[in-house]
Every structure is written in structure tokens, then in C-alpha cells.
Amino acid sequence: MRRNANLIGPNVVKFRCLRGWTQEELAGKIQLAGCYMTRDMLANIETRRRTVTDVQADFIADVFGISTAELFPPKPRGGARRRD
């Protein structure tokens, strides 16, 4: 799998750190919400080594109390697409 396989990883780190949660705590909260997630899976999402399904993104956003759209970086201006 190629590096940078998802766009939300850096924002997952940001929202987790803003709340003062460890990876273990966040993974536990996601599991309690009903989505299977281990600390290793979360670490790989945060470092963009693992793809994220739409269902996982929804659960992550719900645990943070934000919209799924807030997990994604802003679109670049001028119509250019990101190529990571």
C-alpha cells in the first residue's frame, strides 16, 4: 500500500490532541460507538498508511462531535487537485 493513502489522518491527530486523548482512548471510544478499531489501526490512519472507509470516517467524526466534512482538509483554490 502506498503512503498517504488517506486525507483525514492529520486532522484525526489534530482533533485527538485537542481533546487530550491518547490513541488508545480514541480507539476505545470508536469501539464503544460500534466500529471495530484498534490502536494500531488508528496509528496507521493517523500516519496515512491505512485507507479509511466512509463508515470509519463517520464513526470517527461522531466520536469527535464534528461533521465528517471537518475531517477533510480544505480544497485547494483554483481547481487544482492534490496529488499525494
PDB file of N, CA and C in Angstrom:
ATOM      1  N   MET A   1       0.842  -1.171   0.000  1.00  0.00           N
ATOM      2  CA  MET A   1       0.000   0.000   0.000  1.00  0.00           C
ATOM      3  C   MET A   1       0.889   1.237   0.000  1.00  0.00           C
ATOM      4  N   ARG A   2       0.481   2.224  -0.740  1.00  0.00           N
ATOM      5  CA  ARG A   2       1.297   3.428  -0.823  1.00  0.00           C
ATOM      6  C   ARG A   2       1.063   4.337   0.379  1.00  0.00           C
ATOM      7  N   ARG A   3       2.080   5.077   0.696  1.00  0.00           N
ATOM      8  CA  ARG A   3       1.994   6.059   1.789  1.00  0.00           C
ATOM      9  C   ARG A   3       0.999   7.135   1.391  1.00  0.00           C
ATOM     10  N   ASN A   4       0.437   7.816   2.359  1.00  0.00           N
ATOM     11  CA  ASN A   4      -0.545   8.873   2.105  1.00  0.00           C
ATOM     12  C   ASN A   4      -1.830   8.324   1.489  1.00  0.00           C
ATOM     13  N   ALA A   5      -2.293   7.206   2.035  1.00  0.00           N
ATOM     14  CA  ALA A   5      -3.468   6.529   1.481  1.00  0.00           C
ATOM     15  C   ALA A   5      -4.782   7.156   1.926  1.00  0.00           C
ATOM     16  N   ASN A   6      -4.752   8.183   2.755  1.00  0.00           N
ATOM     17  CA  ASN A   6      -5.994   8.856   3.117  1.00  0.00           C
ATOM     18  C   ASN A   6      -5.718  10.344   3.323  1.00  0.00           C
ATOM     19  N   LEU A   7      -6.776  11.130   3.353  1.00  0.00           N
ATOM     20  CA  LEU A   7      -6.634  12.572   3.527  1.00  0.00           C
ATOM     21  C   LEU A   7      -6.896  13.027   4.948  1.00  0.00           C
ATOM     22  N   ILE A   8      -7.578  12.205   5.759  1.00  0.00           N
ATOM     23  CA  ILE A   8      -8.036  12.680   7.059  1.00  0.00           C
ATOM     24  C   ILE A   8      -7.051  12.456   8.203  1.00  0.00           C
ATOM     25  N   GLY A   9      -6.019  11.651   7.990  1.00  0.00           N
ATOM     26  CA  GLY A   9      -5.093  11.305   9.070  1.00  0.00           C
ATOM     27  C   GLY A   9      -4.592  12.480   9.883  1.00  0.00           C
ATOM     28  N   PRO A  10      -4.055  13.534   9.251  1.00  0.00           N
ATOM     29  CA  PRO A  10      -3.549  14.664  10.033  1.00  0.00           C
ATOM     30  C   PRO A  10      -4.628  15.344  10.879  1.00  0.00           C
ATOM     31  N   ASN A  11      -5.849  15.397  10.374  1.00  0.00           N
ATOM     32  CA  ASN A  11      -6.918  16.020  11.149  1.00  0.00           C
ATOM     33  C   ASN A  11      -7.395  15.119  12.282  1.00  0.00           C
ATOM     34  N   VAL A  12      -7.296  13.816  12.126  1.00  0.00           N
ATOM     35  CA  VAL A  12      -7.617  12.915  13.228  1.00  0.00           C
ATOM     36  C   VAL A  12      -6.640  13.185  14.372  1.00  0.00           C
ATOM     37  N   VAL A  13      -5.364  13.327  14.043  1.00  0.00           N
ATOM     38  CA  VAL A  13      -4.357  13.652  15.062  1.00  0.00           C
ATOM     39  C   VAL A  13      -4.711  14.980  15.728  1.00  0.00           C
ATOM     40  N   LYS A  14      -5.032  15.991  14.928  1.00  0.00           N
ATOM     41  CA  LYS A  14      -5.339  17.317  15.454  1.00  0.00           C
ATOM     42  C   LYS A  14      -6.512  17.272  16.435  1.00  0.00           C
ATOM     43  N   PHE A  15      -7.620  16.656  16.024  1.00  0.00           N
ATOM     44  CA  PHE A  15      -8.799  16.618  16.888  1.00  0.00           C
ATOM     45  C   PHE A  15      -8.559  15.754  18.131  1.00  0.00           C
ATOM     46  N   ARG A  16      -7.790  14.696  17.985  1.00  0.00           N
ATOM     47  CA  ARG A  16      -7.480  13.844  19.141  1.00  0.00           C
ATOM     48  C   ARG A  16      -6.641  14.613  20.154  1.00  0.00           C
ATOM     49  N   CYS A  17      -5.622  15.299  19.679  1.00  0.00           N
ATOM     50  CA  CYS A  17      -4.744  16.052  20.577  1.00  0.00           C
ATOM     51  C   CYS A  17      -5.461  17.237  21.218  1.00  0.00           C
ATOM     52  N   LEU A  18      -6.365  17.883  20.482  1.00  0.00           N
ATOM     53  CA  LEU A  18      -7.142  18.982  21.055  1.00  0.00           C
ATOM     54  C   LEU A  18      -7.965  18.515  22.252  1.00  0.00           C
ATOM     55  N   ARG A  19      -8.373  17.255  22.233  1.00  0.00           N
ATOM     56  CA  ARG A  19      -9.163  16.706  23.328  1.00  0.00           C
ATOM     57  C   ARG A  19      -8.299  16.052  24.411  1.00  0.00           C
ATOM     58  N   GLY A  20      -7.006  15.962  24.149  1.00  0.00           N
ATOM     59  CA  GLY A  20      -6.104  15.373  25.125  1.00  0.00           C
ATOM     60  C   GLY A  20      -6.232  13.867  25.244  1.00  0.00           C
ATOM     61  N   TRP A  21      -6.681  13.219  24.168  1.00  0.00           N
ATOM     62  CA  TRP A  21      -6.881  11.769  24.162  1.00  0.00           C
ATOM     63  C   TRP A  21      -5.659  11.063  23.601  1.00  0.00           C
ATOM     64  N   THR A  22      -5.353   9.905  24.137  1.00  0.00           N
ATOM     65  CA  THR A  22      -4.324   9.043  23.558  1.00  0.00           C
ATOM     66  C   THR A  22      -4.951   8.278  22.397  1.00  0.00           C
ATOM     67  N   GLN A  23      -4.106   7.638  21.597  1.00  0.00           N
ATOM     68  CA  GLN A  23      -4.623   6.787  20.525  1.00  0.00           C
ATOM     69  C   GLN A  23      -5.470   5.665  21.118  1.00  0.00           C
ATOM     70  N   GLU A  24      -5.025   5.110  22.235  1.00  0.00           N
ATOM     71  CA  GLU A  24      -5.761   4.025  22.894  1.00  0.00           C
ATOM     72  C   GLU A  24      -7.148   4.495  23.325  1.00  0.00           C
ATOM     73  N   GLU A  25      -7.221   5.698  23.883  1.00  0.00           N
ATOM     74  CA  GLU A  25      -8.516   6.234  24.316  1.00  0.00           C
ATOM     75  C   GLU A  25      -9.457   6.454  23.134  1.00  0.00           C
ATOM     76  N   LEU A  26      -8.935   7.047  22.058  1.00  0.00           N
ATOM     77  CA  LEU A  26      -9.774   7.295  20.886  1.00  0.00           C
ATOM     78  C   LEU A  26     -10.243   5.985  20.275  1.00  0.00           C
ATOM     79  N   ALA A  27      -9.343   5.019  20.130  1.00  0.00           N
ATOM     80  CA  ALA A  27      -9.734   3.722  19.576  1.00  0.00           C
ATOM     81  C   ALA A  27     -10.838   3.094  20.433  1.00  0.00           C
ATOM     82  N   GLY A  28     -10.723   3.199  21.752  1.00  0.00           N
ATOM     83  CA  GLY A  28     -11.750   2.668  22.642  1.00  0.00           C
ATOM     84  C   GLY A  28     -13.084   3.360  22.456  1.00  0.00           C
ATOM     85  N   LYS A  29     -13.080   4.669  22.299  1.00  0.00           N
ATOM     86  CA  LYS A  29     -14.310   5.430  22.096  1.00  0.00           C
ATOM     87  C   LYS A  29     -14.967   5.044  20.767  1.00  0.00           C
ATOM     88  N   ILE A  30     -14.156   4.825  19.743  1.00  0.00           N
ATOM     89  CA  ILE A  30     -14.695   4.416  18.445  1.00  0.00           C
ATOM     90  C   ILE A  30     -15.317   3.029  18.565  1.00  0.00           C
ATOM     91  N   GLN A  31     -14.647   2.140  19.290  1.00  0.00           N
ATOM     92  CA  GLN A  31     -15.203   0.797  19.505  1.00  0.00           C
ATOM     93  C   GLN A  31     -16.517   0.869  20.272  1.00  0.00           C
ATOM     94  N   LEU A  32     -16.579   1.682  21.325  1.00  0.00           N
ATOM     95  CA  LEU A  32     -17.812   1.820  22.096  1.00  0.00           C
ATOM     96  C   LEU A  32     -18.954   2.379  21.254  1.00  0.00           C
ATOM     97  N   ALA A  33     -18.600   3.186  20.249  1.00  0.00           N
ATOM     98  CA  ALA A  33     -19.607   3.733  19.350  1.00  0.00           C
ATOM     99  C   ALA A  33     -20.127   2.681  18.367  1.00  0.00           C
ATOM    100  N   GLY A  34     -19.385   1.550  18.233  1.00  0.00           N
ATOM    101  CA  GLY A  34     -19.869   0.472  17.385  1.00  0.00           C
ATOM    102  C   GLY A  34     -19.029   0.140  16.172  1.00  0.00           C
ATOM    103  N   CYS A  35     -17.835   0.674  16.092  1.00  0.00           N
ATOM    104  CA  CYS A  35     -16.955   0.420  14.944  1.00  0.00           C
ATOM    105  C   CYS A  35     -15.669  -0.230  15.433  1.00  0.00           C
ATOM    106  N   TYR A  36     -15.303  -1.354  14.858  1.00  0.00           N
ATOM    107  CA  TYR A  36     -14.072  -2.032  15.251  1.00  0.00           C
ATOM    108  C   TYR A  36     -12.874  -1.174  14.888  1.00  0.00           C
ATOM    109  N   MET A  37     -12.039  -0.874  15.904  1.00  0.00           N
ATOM    110  CA  MET A  37     -10.843  -0.059  15.681  1.00  0.00           C
ATOM    111  C   MET A  37      -9.832  -0.416  16.771  1.00  0.00           C
ATOM    112  N   THR A  38      -8.618  -0.726  16.376  1.00  0.00           N
ATOM    113  CA  THR A  38      -7.552  -0.963  17.343  1.00  0.00           C
ATOM    114  C   THR A  38      -6.637   0.258  17.375  1.00  0.00           C
ATOM    115  N   ARG A  39      -5.772   0.329  18.377  1.00  0.00           N
ATOM    116  CA  ARG A  39      -4.822   1.431  18.443  1.00  0.00           C
ATOM    117  C   ARG A  39      -3.880   1.397  17.241  1.00  0.00           C
ATOM    118  N   ASP A  40      -3.484   0.189  16.829  1.00  0.00           N
ATOM    119  CA  ASP A  40      -2.599   0.064  15.661  1.00  0.00           C
ATOM    120  C   ASP A  40      -3.294   0.552  14.385  1.00  0.00           C
ATOM    121  N   MET A  41      -4.556   0.196  14.228  1.00  0.00           N
ATOM    122  CA  MET A  41      -5.308   0.676  13.062  1.00  0.00           C
ATOM    123  C   MET A  41      -5.367   2.199  13.064  1.00  0.00           C
ATOM    124  N   LEU A  42      -5.665   2.772  14.225  1.00  0.00           N
ATOM    125  CA  LEU A  42      -5.752   4.227  14.344  1.00  0.00           C
ATOM    126  C   LEU A  42      -4.407   4.879  14.055  1.00  0.00           C
ATOM    127  N   ALA A  43      -3.333   4.309  14.585  1.00  0.00           N
ATOM    128  CA  ALA A  43      -1.995   4.860  14.334  1.00  0.00           C
ATOM    129  C   ALA A  43      -1.699   4.876  12.842  1.00  0.00           C
ATOM    130  N   ASN A  44      -2.082   3.834  12.139  1.00  0.00           N
ATOM    131  CA  ASN A  44      -1.845   3.778  10.694  1.00  0.00           C
ATOM    132  C   ASN A  44      -2.744   4.735   9.924  1.00  0.00           C
ATOM    133  N   ILE A  45      -3.932   5.009  10.443  1.00  0.00           N
ATOM    134  CA  ILE A  45      -4.793   6.025   9.833  1.00  0.00           C
ATOM    135  C   ILE A  45      -4.146   7.396  10.020  1.00  0.00           C
ATOM    136  N   GLU A  46      -3.700   7.669  11.246  1.00  0.00           N
ATOM    137  CA  GLU A  46      -3.108   8.977  11.529  1.00  0.00           C
ATOM    138  C   GLU A  46      -1.849   9.244  10.714  1.00  0.00           C
ATOM    139  N   THR A  47      -1.071   8.217  10.459  1.00  0.00           N
ATOM    140  CA  THR A  47       0.164   8.395   9.681  1.00  0.00           C
ATOM    141  C   THR A  47      -0.065   8.188   8.184  1.00  0.00           C
ATOM    142  N   ARG A  48      -1.329   8.006   7.810  1.00  0.00           N
ATOM    143  CA  ARG A  48      -1.760   7.904   6.411  1.00  0.00           C
ATOM    144  C   ARG A  48      -1.226   6.663   5.706  1.00  0.00           C
ATOM    145  N   ARG A  49      -0.949   5.616   6.472  1.00  0.00           N
ATOM    146  CA  ARG A  49      -0.522   4.348   5.888  1.00  0.00           C
ATOM    147  C   ARG A  49      -1.690   3.406   5.659  1.00  0.00           C
ATOM    148  N   ARG A  50      -2.859   3.768   6.146  1.00  0.00           N
ATOM    149  CA  ARG A  50      -4.033   2.916   6.032  1.00  0.00           C
ATOM    150  C   ARG A  50      -5.173   3.737   5.439  1.00  0.00           C
ATOM    151  N   THR A  51      -5.911   3.126   4.533  1.00  0.00           N
ATOM    152  CA  THR A  51      -7.086   3.793   3.991  1.00  0.00           C
ATOM    153  C   THR A  51      -8.181   3.806   5.054  1.00  0.00           C
ATOM    154  N   VAL A  52      -9.113   4.722   4.909  1.00  0.00           N
ATOM    155  CA  VAL A  52     -10.232   4.858   5.836  1.00  0.00           C
ATOM    156  C   VAL A  52     -11.513   4.689   5.046  1.00  0.00           C
ATOM    157  N   THR A  53     -12.388   3.811   5.518  1.00  0.00           N
ATOM    158  CA  THR A  53     -13.678   3.646   4.839  1.00  0.00           C
ATOM    159  C   THR A  53     -14.588   4.805   5.204  1.00  0.00           C
ATOM    160  N   ASP A  54     -15.624   4.995   4.418  1.00  0.00           N
ATOM    161  CA  ASP A  54     -16.577   6.058   4.729  1.00  0.00           C
ATOM    162  C   ASP A  54     -17.256   5.791   6.071  1.00  0.00           C
ATOM    163  N   VAL A  55     -17.511   4.539   6.388  1.00  0.00           N
ATOM    164  CA  VAL A  55     -18.139   4.188   7.662  1.00  0.00           C
ATOM    165  C   VAL A  55     -17.200   4.543   8.824  1.00  0.00           C
ATOM    166  N   GLN A  56     -15.925   4.213   8.701  1.00  0.00           N
ATOM    167  CA  GLN A  56     -14.964   4.558   9.747  1.00  0.00           C
ATOM    168  C   GLN A  56     -14.875   6.079   9.922  1.00  0.00           C
ATOM    169  N   ALA A  57     -14.852   6.808   8.834  1.00  0.00           N
ATOM    170  CA  ALA A  57     -14.788   8.272   8.915  1.00  0.00           C
ATOM    171  C   ALA A  57     -16.011   8.817   9.633  1.00  0.00           C
ATOM    172  N   ASP A  58     -17.191   8.261   9.367  1.00  0.00           N
ATOM    173  CA  ASP A  58     -18.407   8.693  10.055  1.00  0.00           C
ATOM    174  C   ASP A  58     -18.314   8.439  11.555  1.00  0.00           C
ATOM    175  N   PHE A  59     -17.831   7.258  11.950  1.00  0.00           N
ATOM    176  CA  PHE A  59     -17.692   6.954  13.370  1.00  0.00           C
ATOM    177  C   PHE A  59     -16.672   7.872  14.040  1.00  0.00           C
ATOM    178  N   ILE A  60     -15.560   8.096  13.379  1.00  0.00           N
ATOM    179  CA  ILE A  60     -14.531   8.976  13.939  1.00  0.00           C
ATOM    180  C   ILE A  60     -15.102  10.373  14.156  1.00  0.00           C
ATOM    181  N   ALA A  61     -15.796  10.905  13.149  1.00  0.00           N
ATOM    182  CA  ALA A  61     -16.394  12.234  13.270  1.00  0.00           C
ATOM    183  C   ALA A  61     -17.420  12.266  14.407  1.00  0.00           C
ATOM    184  N   ASP A  62     -18.254  11.238  14.508  1.00  0.00           N
ATOM    185  CA  ASP A  62     -19.255  11.194  15.574  1.00  0.00           C
ATOM    186  C   ASP A  62     -18.607  11.223  16.951  1.00  0.00           C
ATOM    187  N   VAL A  63     -17.530  10.463  17.124  1.00  0.00           N
ATOM    188  CA  VAL A  63     -16.836  10.437  18.415  1.00  0.00           C
ATOM    189  C   VAL A  63     -16.276  11.818  18.746  1.00  0.00           C
ATOM    190  N   PHE A  64     -15.785  12.529  17.757  1.00  0.00           N
ATOM    191  CA  PHE A  64     -15.265  13.878  17.981  1.00  0.00           C
ATOM    192  C   PHE A  64     -16.383  14.921  18.120  1.00  0.00           C
ATOM    193  N   GLY A  65     -17.602  14.555  17.694  1.00  0.00           N
ATOM    194  CA  GLY A  65     -18.709  15.506  17.741  1.00  0.00           C
ATOM    195  C   GLY A  65     -18.627  16.554  16.655  1.00  0.00           C
ATOM    196  N   ILE A  66     -18.097  16.152  15.496  1.00  0.00           N
ATOM    197  CA  ILE A  66     -17.941  17.061  14.357  1.00  0.00           C
ATOM    198  C   ILE A  66     -18.584  16.425  13.129  1.00  0.00           C
ATOM    199  N   SER A  67     -18.696  17.202  12.059  1.00  0.00           N
ATOM    200  CA  SER A  67     -19.186  16.638  10.808  1.00  0.00           C
ATOM    201  C   SER A  67     -18.055  15.874  10.118  1.00  0.00           C
ATOM    202  N   THR A  68     -18.420  14.915   9.309  1.00  0.00           N
ATOM    203  CA  THR A  68     -17.420  14.161   8.566  1.00  0.00           C
ATOM    204  C   THR A  68     -16.589  15.095   7.684  1.00  0.00           C
ATOM    205  N   ALA A  69     -17.223  16.106   7.130  1.00  0.00           N
ATOM    206  CA  ALA A  69     -16.527  17.052   6.250  1.00  0.00           C
ATOM    207  C   ALA A  69     -15.379  17.756   6.969  1.00  0.00           C
ATOM    208  N   GLU A  70     -15.513  17.971   8.284  1.00  0.00           N
ATOM    209  CA  GLU A  70     -14.465  18.657   9.033  1.00  0.00           C
ATOM    210  C   GLU A  70     -13.189  17.829   9.163  1.00  0.00           C
ATOM    211  N   LEU A  71     -13.274  16.520   8.911  1.00  0.00           N
ATOM    212  CA  LEU A  71     -12.086  15.669   8.954  1.00  0.00           C
ATOM    213  C   LEU A  71     -11.187  15.883   7.736  1.00  0.00           C
ATOM    214  N   PHE A  72     -11.763  16.388   6.657  1.00  0.00           N
ATOM    215  CA  PHE A  72     -11.017  16.535   5.407  1.00  0.00           C
ATOM    216  C   PHE A  72     -10.353  17.906   5.338  1.00  0.00           C
ATOM    217  N   PRO A  73      -9.173  17.965   4.717  1.00  0.00           N
ATOM    218  CA  PRO A  73      -8.510  19.268   4.554  1.00  0.00           C
ATOM    219  C   PRO A  73      -9.294  20.139   3.578  1.00  0.00           C
ATOM    220  N   PRO A  74      -9.130  21.451   3.665  1.00  0.00           N
ATOM    221  CA  PRO A  74      -9.819  22.319   2.715  1.00  0.00           C
ATOM    222  C   PRO A  74      -9.354  22.038   1.291  1.00  0.00           C
ATOM    223  N   LYS A  75     -10.255  22.236   0.359  1.00  0.00           N
ATOM    224  CA  LYS A  75      -9.901  22.046  -1.050  1.00  0.00           C
ATOM    225  C   LYS A  75      -8.981  23.174  -1.484  1.00  0.00           C
ATOM    226  N   PRO A  76      -7.978  22.837  -2.302  1.00  0.00           N
ATOM    227  CA  PRO A  76      -7.090  23.897  -2.793  1.00  0.00           C
ATOM    228  C   PRO A  76      -7.852  24.851  -3.713  1.00  0.00           C
ATOM    229  N   ARG A  77      -7.465  26.099  -3.677  1.00  0.00           N
ATOM    230  CA  ARG A  77      -8.116  27.094  -4.545  1.00  0.00           C
ATOM    231  C   ARG A  77      -7.619  26.949  -5.976  1.00  0.00           C
ATOM    232  N   GLY A  78      -8.432  27.382  -6.896  1.00  0.00           N
ATOM    233  CA  GLY A  78      -8.034  27.375  -8.302  1.00  0.00           C
ATOM    234  C   GLY A  78      -8.283  26.068  -9.006  1.00  0.00           C
ATOM    235  N   GLY A  79      -9.000  25.162  -8.375  1.00  0.00           N
ATOM    236  CA  GLY A  79      -9.379  23.911  -9.035  1.00  0.00           C
ATOM    237  C   GLY A  79      -8.297  22.848  -9.108  1.00  0.00           C
ATOM    238  N   ALA A  80      -7.100  23.150  -8.604  1.00  0.00           N
ATOM    239  CA  ALA A  80      -6.025  22.133  -8.640  1.00  0.00           C
ATOM    240  C   ALA A  80      -6.356  21.004  -7.690  1.00  0.00           C
ATOM    241  N   ARG A  81      -6.014  19.802  -8.060  1.00  0.00           N
ATOM    242  CA  ARG A  81      -6.257  18.635  -7.211  1.00  0.00           C
ATOM    243  C   ARG A  81      -4.978  18.248  -6.517  1.00  0.00           C
ATOM    244  N   ARG A  82      -5.138  17.751  -5.265  1.00  0.00           N
ATOM    245  CA  ARG A  82      -3.971  17.277  -4.514  1.00  0.00           C
ATOM    246  C   ARG A  82      -3.482  15.966  -5.099  1.00  0.00           C
ATOM    247  N   ARG A  83      -2.197  15.808  -5.154  1.00  0.00           N
ATOM    248  CA  ARG A  83      -1.596  14.551  -5.604  1.00  0.00           C
ATOM    249  C   ARG A  83      -0.580  14.142  -4.556  1.00  0.00           C
ATOM    250  N   ASP A  84      -1.020  13.341  -3.591  1.00  0.00           N
ATOM    251  CA  ASP A  84      -0.099  12.920  -2.522  1.00  0.00           C
ATOM    252  C   ASP A  84       0.587  11.646  -2.850  1.00  0.00           C
TER     253      ASP A  84
END
